[in-house]
Amino acid sequence: MPKPKVRSTEHLFQRVQLGLRMNKRVVKVLKATAEYMDMPLSALIESMAVTALEGGCIFGPDVMKRIEQFKEIYGLNEMLEALPDGAYDDGAYEDEDDDEPEEEAPKPKGKK
């Protein structure tokens, strides 16, 4: 009897390296949250993004309480309160360092 064909899912789970800039206080809260949840920062961010794109949230009430503590510890609440209403939501927020040109990501070898 011939073996049934199994469709490879390898192409669905390819990883790419990102170089992105984020607010330092946001990163500190994310790192603390990842540590609290005992997972790598990249896994936390990926889980948050995928779940958010599906309209959900990966954090339960206990983790949300801890995140509120991290936000207070790292001054994220203070920073968010200093912004005009909705500035972070609509993309109007800009980092002080945004005057600097962004570094171009290195091109993969063998590709043009």
Protein backbone atom coordinates (compact mmCIF):
# COMPACT_ATOMS: atom_id res chain seq x y z
CA MET A 1 0.00 0.00 0.00
CA PRO A 2 1.49 3.41 -0.94
CA LYS A 3 2.37 5.79 1.83
CA PRO A 4 -0.01 8.77 2.06
CA LYS A 5 1.61 12.06 1.12
CA VAL A 6 2.25 14.26 4.11
CA ARG A 7 2.27 17.92 3.28
CA SER A 8 5.28 19.67 4.72
CA THR A 9 4.52 22.57 7.02
CA GLU A 10 8.15 23.65 7.29
CA HIS A 11 7.54 26.66 5.02
CA LEU A 12 4.90 27.91 7.46
CA PHE A 13 7.36 28.28 10.32
CA GLN A 14 10.31 30.14 8.84
CA ARG A 15 12.03 32.63 11.11
CA VAL A 16 13.45 35.98 10.07
CA GLN A 17 15.77 38.33 11.91
CA LEU A 18 14.31 41.76 12.64
CA GLY A 19 16.09 44.95 13.46
CA LEU A 20 13.61 47.35 14.98
CA ARG A 21 13.66 50.23 17.38
CA MET A 22 11.32 50.44 20.34
CA ASN A 23 10.97 52.72 23.30
CA LYS A 24 13.40 51.65 26.03
CA ARG A 25 10.70 51.56 28.72
CA VAL A 26 8.44 49.38 26.57
CA VAL A 27 11.33 46.97 26.00
CA LYS A 28 12.06 46.78 29.74
CA VAL A 29 8.42 45.94 30.49
CA LEU A 30 8.39 43.33 27.72
CA LYS A 31 11.64 41.75 28.97
CA ALA A 32 10.35 41.63 32.53
CA THR A 33 7.08 40.09 31.33
CA ALA A 34 8.93 37.48 29.27
CA GLU A 35 11.09 36.61 32.27
CA TYR A 36 8.01 36.38 34.50
CA MET A 37 6.34 34.07 31.97
CA ASP A 38 9.59 32.06 31.60
CA MET A 39 9.84 32.51 27.85
CA PRO A 40 12.22 34.21 25.43
CA LEU A 41 11.41 37.81 24.53
CA SER A 42 11.03 36.88 20.85
CA ALA A 43 8.46 34.20 21.71
CA LEU A 44 6.50 36.67 23.86
CA ILE A 45 6.40 39.30 21.11
CA GLU A 46 5.46 36.75 18.46
CA SER A 47 2.70 35.31 20.66
CA MET A 48 1.38 38.79 21.42
CA ALA A 49 1.34 39.73 17.73
CA VAL A 50 -0.31 36.53 16.50
CA THR A 51 -2.92 36.61 19.26
CA ALA A 52 -3.61 40.33 18.73
CA LEU A 53 -4.09 39.72 15.00
CA GLU A 54 -6.75 37.19 15.96
CA GLY A 55 -8.39 39.74 18.27
CA GLY A 56 -7.21 38.25 21.55
CA CYS A 57 -4.79 38.72 24.40
CA ILE A 58 -2.28 36.17 25.69
CA PHE A 59 -2.23 37.56 29.23
CA GLY A 60 -4.47 36.35 32.00
CA PRO A 61 -5.51 38.56 34.93
CA ASP A 62 -2.52 37.55 37.07
CA VAL A 63 -0.02 38.46 34.34
CA MET A 64 -1.85 41.74 33.64
CA LYS A 65 -1.46 42.68 37.32
CA ARG A 66 2.27 41.94 37.09
CA ILE A 67 2.57 43.98 33.88
CA GLU A 68 0.98 46.95 35.65
CA GLN A 69 3.69 46.62 38.31
CA PHE A 70 6.41 46.46 35.65
CA LYS A 71 4.98 49.55 33.93
CA GLU A 72 5.18 51.44 37.21
CA ILE A 73 8.69 50.19 38.03
CA TYR A 74 10.11 51.12 34.61
CA GLY A 75 8.28 54.44 34.26
CA LEU A 76 6.13 53.41 31.30
CA ASN A 77 2.95 54.79 32.87
CA GLU A 78 4.65 58.14 33.42
CA MET A 79 5.81 58.24 29.80
CA LEU A 80 2.37 57.32 28.45
CA GLU A 81 0.69 59.95 30.64
CA ALA A 82 3.05 62.61 29.28
CA LEU A 83 1.94 61.94 25.70
CA PRO A 84 -1.05 63.76 24.20
CA ASP A 85 -4.23 61.66 24.14
CA GLY A 86 -4.04 58.99 21.47
CA ALA A 87 -0.52 59.97 20.35
CA TYR A 88 0.86 56.47 20.79
CA ASP A 89 -2.17 54.87 19.14
CA ASP A 90 -2.22 56.90 15.93
CA GLY A 91 1.50 56.84 15.20
CA ALA A 92 2.07 60.49 16.13
CA TYR A 93 4.51 59.48 18.87
CA GLU A 94 8.09 59.86 17.78
CA ASP A 95 11.24 58.95 19.58
CA GLU A 96 13.71 61.76 20.37
CA ASP A 97 16.30 59.91 18.30
CA ASP A 98 14.14 59.76 15.16
CA ASP A 99 16.23 62.54 13.57
CA GLU A 100 18.99 60.01 13.05
CA PRO A 101 18.91 58.04 9.80
CA GLU A 102 17.99 54.43 10.32
CA GLU A 103 20.62 51.84 9.63
CA GLU A 104 19.87 49.75 6.61
CA ALA A 105 19.57 46.07 7.40
CA PRO A 106 22.38 43.99 5.91
CA LYS A 107 21.42 42.22 2.70
CA PRO A 108 21.49 38.40 2.81
CA LYS A 109 24.47 36.93 1.00
CA GLY A 110 23.77 35.67 -2.48
CA LYS A 111 20.64 37.82 -2.98
CA LYS A 112 20.39 41.12 -4.79
